[in-house]
Amino acid sequence: MNLSMTDTETPLKGYKNYKWIVKDARMLWGTPTVRGTRLHVSQILECLAAGMSADEIADDYPGFPQECIPEVLRFAAEVVKDGDVAA
């Protein structure tokens, strides 16, 4: 899996120190995604909330990097803490 950034892919603006969470204006409407995939961060959170394990997510989404889960959860916690939650 190639994890280098494209010309338009950037770490999330306003959020630092993310290896796996990126925003690419050309992909998935610029929503936060998992680097190297076409998976929204919200998709991974929904899977986890439904009780899926990392192995189950990887089975459903081939190429899913299981090691990104702690960062996805940290991202979600920071979004909630910063008040970036849609009402």
Protein backbone atom coordinates (compact mmCIF):
# COMPACT_ATOMS: atom_id res chain seq x y z
CA MET A 1 0.00 0.00 0.00
CA ASN A 2 1.42 3.36 -1.01
CA LEU A 3 0.99 5.81 1.84
CA SER A 4 2.59 8.88 0.26
CA MET A 5 0.45 11.98 -0.07
CA THR A 6 -0.90 13.17 -3.39
CA ASP A 7 -0.60 16.81 -4.46
CA THR A 8 -4.02 17.65 -3.01
CA GLU A 9 -4.00 15.28 -0.04
CA THR A 10 -3.15 17.05 3.17
CA PRO A 11 -3.22 16.23 6.86
CA LEU A 12 -6.46 17.55 8.30
CA LYS A 13 -6.40 21.28 8.68
CA GLY A 14 -6.48 22.19 12.35
CA TYR A 15 -5.45 18.70 13.46
CA LYS A 16 -1.80 17.78 13.89
CA ASN A 17 0.18 14.60 14.17
CA TYR A 18 -2.03 12.32 12.10
CA LYS A 19 -0.38 9.63 10.04
CA TRP A 20 -3.56 7.88 8.87
CA ILE A 21 -6.21 10.61 8.72
CA VAL A 22 -6.15 12.77 5.60
CA LYS A 23 -8.37 15.06 3.58
CA ASP A 24 -8.18 14.99 -0.22
CA ALA A 25 -10.31 17.50 -2.09
CA ARG A 26 -10.49 15.11 -5.07
CA MET A 27 -11.74 12.11 -3.11
CA LEU A 28 -14.92 11.55 -1.12
CA TRP A 29 -15.87 15.24 -1.14
CA GLY A 30 -12.86 16.19 0.97
CA THR A 31 -14.13 14.40 4.06
CA PRO A 32 -11.66 12.87 6.51
CA THR A 33 -10.52 9.51 5.17
CA VAL A 34 -8.06 6.78 6.08
CA ARG A 35 -4.86 7.27 4.08
CA GLY A 36 -4.46 4.86 1.17
CA THR A 37 -8.16 3.90 1.19
CA ARG A 38 -11.51 5.26 0.12
CA LEU A 39 -12.92 4.82 3.61
CA HIS A 40 -14.45 7.72 5.50
CA VAL A 41 -13.36 8.02 9.11
CA SER A 42 -17.08 7.96 9.91
CA GLN A 43 -17.43 4.54 8.24
CA ILE A 44 -14.77 3.10 10.52
CA LEU A 45 -16.39 4.69 13.57
CA GLU A 46 -19.76 3.25 12.57
CA CYS A 47 -18.23 -0.21 12.21
CA LEU A 48 -16.61 0.05 15.64
CA ALA A 49 -19.84 1.36 17.19
CA ALA A 50 -21.67 -1.65 15.73
CA GLY A 51 -19.25 -3.89 17.61
CA MET A 52 -17.09 -4.97 14.70
CA SER A 53 -13.52 -5.99 15.46
CA ALA A 54 -10.54 -4.74 13.47
CA ASP A 55 -10.37 -8.16 11.78
CA GLU A 56 -14.04 -7.96 10.79
CA ILE A 57 -13.58 -4.47 9.35
CA ALA A 58 -10.55 -5.70 7.37
CA ASP A 59 -12.61 -8.65 6.09
CA ASP A 60 -15.35 -6.31 4.87
CA TYR A 61 -12.94 -3.70 3.49
CA PRO A 62 -9.84 -5.33 1.97
CA GLY A 63 -6.79 -3.12 2.33
CA PHE A 64 -8.05 -1.53 5.54
CA PRO A 65 -5.02 -0.79 7.75
CA GLN A 66 -6.05 -2.04 11.18
CA GLU A 67 -3.27 -0.07 12.82
CA CYS A 68 -5.16 3.16 12.05
CA ILE A 69 -7.92 2.43 14.59
CA PRO A 70 -6.32 4.18 17.59
CA GLU A 71 -5.79 7.28 15.46
CA VAL A 72 -9.37 7.18 14.15
CA LEU A 73 -10.61 7.08 17.75
CA ARG A 74 -8.27 9.89 18.81
CA PHE A 75 -9.50 11.96 15.86
CA ALA A 76 -13.12 11.39 16.90
CA ALA A 77 -12.35 12.37 20.50
CA GLU A 78 -10.66 15.58 19.37
CA VAL A 79 -13.54 16.50 17.07
CA VAL A 80 -16.03 16.05 19.91
CA LYS A 81 -13.82 17.94 22.36
CA ASP A 82 -13.39 20.83 19.92
CA GLY A 83 -17.14 21.05 19.33
CA ASP A 84 -16.97 20.11 15.64
CA VAL A 85 -20.02 17.89 15.91
CA ALA A 86 -23.07 18.46 13.71
CA ALA A 87 -26.23 18.98 15.74
